[in-house]
Protein backbone atom coordinates (compact mmCIF):
# COMPACT_ATOMS: atom_id res chain seq x y z
CA UNK A 1 -21.35 9.10 17.24
CA UNK A 2 -21.80 5.64 15.98
CA UNK A 3 -19.75 2.52 16.14
CA UNK A 4 -18.52 0.67 13.28
CA UNK A 5 -19.03 -3.07 13.29
CA UNK A 6 -15.75 -4.78 12.15
CA UNK A 7 -16.98 -8.47 13.06
CA UNK A 8 -17.48 -9.23 9.33
CA UNK A 9 -13.51 -8.85 8.57
CA UNK A 10 -11.63 -11.95 8.76
CA UNK A 11 -8.40 -12.15 10.35
CA UNK A 12 -6.90 -13.28 7.18
CA UNK A 13 -8.15 -9.82 5.22
CA UNK A 14 -6.97 -7.79 8.32
CA UNK A 15 -3.53 -9.12 8.20
CA UNK A 16 -3.20 -8.54 4.51
CA UNK A 17 -4.50 -5.27 4.31
CA UNK A 18 -2.16 -4.47 7.25
CA UNK A 19 1.04 -5.90 5.87
CA UNK A 20 0.35 -4.32 2.24
CA UNK A 21 -0.21 -0.86 3.74
CA UNK A 22 2.90 -1.06 5.68
CA UNK A 23 4.60 -1.67 2.20
CA UNK A 24 2.44 0.75 0.11
CA UNK A 25 2.68 4.07 2.05
CA UNK A 26 6.48 3.99 2.62
CA UNK A 27 7.03 3.14 -0.85
CA UNK A 28 4.94 6.24 -2.42
CA UNK A 29 6.23 8.90 0.22
CA UNK A 30 9.94 7.87 -0.30
CA UNK A 31 9.36 8.19 -3.95
CA UNK A 32 7.79 11.37 -3.46
CA UNK A 33 10.95 12.46 -1.13
CA UNK A 34 13.36 11.39 -3.57
CA UNK A 35 11.66 13.78 -6.43
CA UNK A 36 12.01 16.36 -3.95
CA UNK A 37 15.54 15.67 -3.78
CA UNK A 38 16.09 15.84 -7.51
CA UNK A 39 16.62 12.13 -7.71
CA UNK A 40 14.11 11.45 -10.37
CA UNK A 41 14.91 7.80 -11.25
CA UNK A 42 15.01 6.66 -7.77
CA UNK A 43 11.76 8.54 -7.05
CA UNK A 44 9.72 7.02 -10.00
CA UNK A 45 11.11 3.57 -9.17
CA UNK A 46 9.91 3.98 -5.82
CA UNK A 47 6.58 5.08 -6.84
CA UNK A 48 6.37 2.38 -9.79
CA UNK A 49 7.12 -0.12 -7.05
CA UNK A 50 4.48 1.15 -4.77
CA UNK A 51 1.79 0.88 -7.60
CA UNK A 52 2.91 -2.71 -8.63
CA UNK A 53 2.41 -3.81 -4.75
CA UNK A 54 -1.00 -1.91 -5.25
CA UNK A 55 -1.79 -3.93 -8.04
CA UNK A 56 -0.94 -7.35 -6.19
CA UNK A 57 -2.79 -6.11 -3.18
CA UNK A 58 -5.84 -5.67 -5.43
CA UNK A 59 -5.00 -9.18 -7.03
CA UNK A 60 -4.77 -10.68 -3.68
CA UNK A 61 -8.08 -9.08 -2.33
CA UNK A 62 -10.13 -10.17 -5.44
CA UNK A 63 -9.44 -13.85 -4.60
CA UNK A 64 -10.62 -13.44 -0.79
């Protein structure tokens, strides 16, 4: 087993990834749950929100 060197990750990048993953994962999973509950409009809106947050995440990470 080897160790992963995380000393190259800045605190700003770590916090950005942490906060956005806390937002993206629940939006996608709640969207899937709503689709299983036959609430299609709400489900697709939540999934679209998760994709939009992911796009913002990619934009923010391209500047860091």
